[in-house]
Protein backbone atom coordinates (compact mmCIF):
# COMPACT_ATOMS: atom_id res chain seq x y z
CA MET A 1 -50.65 -23.15 11.68
CA GLN A 2 -52.74 -22.64 14.81
CA ALA A 3 -56.45 -23.27 14.78
CA TYR A 4 -58.79 -20.30 15.15
CA SER A 5 -59.81 -21.43 18.66
CA GLU A 6 -56.16 -21.45 19.79
CA ARG A 7 -55.46 -18.00 18.29
CA LEU A 8 -58.67 -16.71 19.88
CA ALA A 9 -57.71 -18.07 23.32
CA GLU A 10 -54.22 -16.53 22.99
CA LEU A 11 -55.68 -13.13 22.13
CA VAL A 12 -58.19 -13.17 24.98
CA LEU A 13 -55.57 -14.29 27.51
CA SER A 14 -53.16 -11.52 26.48
CA SER A 15 -55.83 -8.77 26.40
CA SER A 16 -56.91 -6.41 29.15
CA ILE A 17 -60.15 -5.68 27.28
CA ALA A 18 -61.74 -8.07 24.79
CA VAL A 19 -65.01 -8.32 22.89
CA GLN A 20 -66.66 -10.76 20.53
CA ALA A 21 -67.43 -8.91 17.30
CA VAL A 22 -70.81 -9.58 15.69
CA LEU A 23 -71.73 -8.15 12.28
CA GLY A 24 -75.14 -7.72 10.72
CA SER A 25 -76.12 -7.97 7.09
CA SER A 26 -76.22 -4.20 6.50
CA PRO A 27 -73.02 -2.11 6.30
CA GLY A 28 -71.91 -0.70 9.64
CA ASP A 29 -74.22 -2.96 11.64
CA ALA A 30 -72.05 -4.32 14.45
CA GLU A 31 -72.38 -5.34 18.08
CA PHE A 32 -69.68 -6.09 20.63
CA ILE A 33 -70.23 -8.72 23.31
CA PRO A 34 -67.92 -8.02 26.26
CA LEU A 35 -65.53 -10.79 27.28
CA LEU A 36 -63.00 -8.87 29.40
CA PRO A 37 -62.68 -7.27 31.87
CA ARG A 38 -66.26 -8.32 32.67
CA PRO A 39 -68.21 -10.71 30.46
CA ALA A 40 -71.77 -9.87 29.49
CA ASP A 41 -74.21 -10.57 32.32
CA ASP A 42 -77.80 -11.84 31.96
CA ARG A 43 -79.24 -8.31 31.70
CA MET A 44 -76.80 -7.38 28.93
CA TRP A 45 -77.52 -10.63 27.05
CA ALA A 46 -81.25 -9.86 27.23
CA GLU A 47 -80.67 -6.34 25.85
CA LEU A 48 -78.46 -7.68 23.04
CA LYS A 49 -80.94 -10.42 22.09
CA ALA A 50 -83.78 -7.86 21.98
CA ARG A 51 -81.84 -5.91 19.31
CA TRP A 52 -80.89 -8.98 17.20
CA PRO A 53 -84.08 -10.09 15.39
CA GLY A 54 -84.02 -9.53 11.64
CA ARG A 55 -80.44 -8.23 11.52
CA GLY A 56 -78.75 -11.39 10.22
CA LEU A 57 -76.03 -11.17 12.87
CA ARG A 58 -73.03 -13.49 12.85
CA SER A 59 -69.94 -13.73 14.99
CA VAL A 60 -66.85 -12.74 12.98
CA GLY A 61 -64.13 -12.83 15.63
CA VAL A 62 -62.64 -11.23 18.69
CA ILE A 63 -60.98 -7.85 19.21
CA GLY A 64 -58.68 -7.38 22.17
CA LEU A 65 -56.59 -4.60 23.64
CA VAL A 66 -53.08 -5.96 24.16
CA GLY A 67 -51.02 -3.35 25.97
CA ASN A 68 -52.21 -0.25 24.17
CA THR A 69 -52.70 -1.87 20.78
CA PRO A 70 -56.02 -3.27 19.52
CA GLN A 71 -55.64 -6.70 17.89
CA LEU A 72 -58.16 -8.65 15.85
CA GLU A 73 -58.60 -12.38 15.38
CA LEU A 74 -61.09 -13.16 12.62
CA LYS A 75 -63.13 -16.32 12.07
CA GLU A 76 -63.58 -15.47 8.42
CA PRO A 77 -62.01 -13.08 5.92
CA LEU A 78 -63.65 -9.66 5.86
CA GLU A 79 -63.50 -6.84 3.36
CA ASP A 80 -61.10 -3.99 4.21
CA GLU A 81 -63.93 -1.55 4.90
CA GLN A 82 -65.52 -4.01 7.34
CA VAL A 83 -62.22 -4.39 9.22
CA ARG A 84 -61.78 -0.62 9.26
CA ALA A 85 -65.34 -0.15 10.57
CA LEU A 86 -64.74 -2.73 13.30
CA ALA A 87 -61.51 -1.01 14.32
CA GLU A 88 -63.19 2.39 14.50
CA ALA A 89 -66.12 0.96 16.46
CA PHE A 90 -63.72 -0.75 18.89
CA ILE A 91 -61.85 2.52 19.50
CA ALA A 92 -65.22 4.22 20.18
CA TYR A 93 -66.17 1.31 22.49
CA LEU A 94 -62.90 1.75 24.40
CA ASP A 95 -63.50 5.46 24.72
CA VAL A 96 -66.94 4.83 26.27
CA LEU A 97 -65.68 1.96 28.45
CA LEU A 98 -62.76 4.02 29.71
CA GLN A 99 -65.07 7.04 30.12
CA GLY A 100 -63.55 9.11 27.37
CA SER A 101 -60.03 8.38 28.47
CA PHE A 102 -58.61 5.90 25.96
CA ALA A 103 -55.89 8.41 25.13
CA ALA A 104 -55.16 8.78 28.85
CA HIS A 105 -55.13 4.98 29.17
CA ARG A 106 -52.60 4.68 26.33
CA GLU A 107 -50.44 7.37 27.91
CA ALA A 108 -50.61 5.65 31.32
CA VAL A 109 -49.58 2.30 29.79
CA GLU A 110 -46.74 3.93 27.88
CA SER A 111 -45.62 5.86 30.98
CA ALA A 112 -45.64 2.67 33.06
CA GLU A 113 -43.59 0.87 30.40
CA ILE A 114 -41.08 3.74 30.24
CA ALA A 115 -40.84 3.88 34.05
CA GLU A 116 -40.17 0.13 34.18
CA LEU A 117 -37.47 0.39 31.51
CA GLU A 118 -35.86 3.30 33.37
CA ARG A 119 -35.96 1.28 36.61
CA MET A 120 -34.36 -1.71 34.88
CA TRP A 121 -31.65 0.55 33.43
CA THR A 122 -30.57 1.57 36.95
CA LEU A 123 -30.18 -2.03 38.16
CA VAL A 124 -26.67 -3.14 38.97
CA ASP A 125 -25.44 -6.31 37.29
CA PRO A 126 -24.66 -8.73 40.16
CA ARG A 127 -22.22 -10.82 38.14
CA PRO A 128 -18.65 -10.39 39.39
CA ASP A 129 -17.13 -10.21 35.91
CA SER A 130 -19.62 -7.76 34.52
CA ARG A 131 -18.13 -4.84 32.64
CA LEU A 132 -21.28 -2.79 33.16
CA ASN A 133 -20.59 -2.07 36.87
């Protein structure tokens, strides 16, 4: 079984967008720290830290967008409603990040994948004994 740090690195490397998920002690209290495509800069860190006092925040894992599918790698087990809340918050985060166009982003990724498959389908098999030619 892979260690958390290895699974985390795998997720971040395969994601186009990734965030560190931080939960507070009250239900629904969450923050995302951007990792990809641009990590949090000094100004963003200062804004985040200004909102942290008294909230009992802890890092719980990373959420990444792999293709058009959000994936989650947790440091610790969470209750189902916490996972659901994180997923919903991540979708909202994507919508803001992609300027209200997460659905358009998903469609563009799917269209690109379909176009690539169609292109591959038209390729001629260069092997002389191929029955597909």
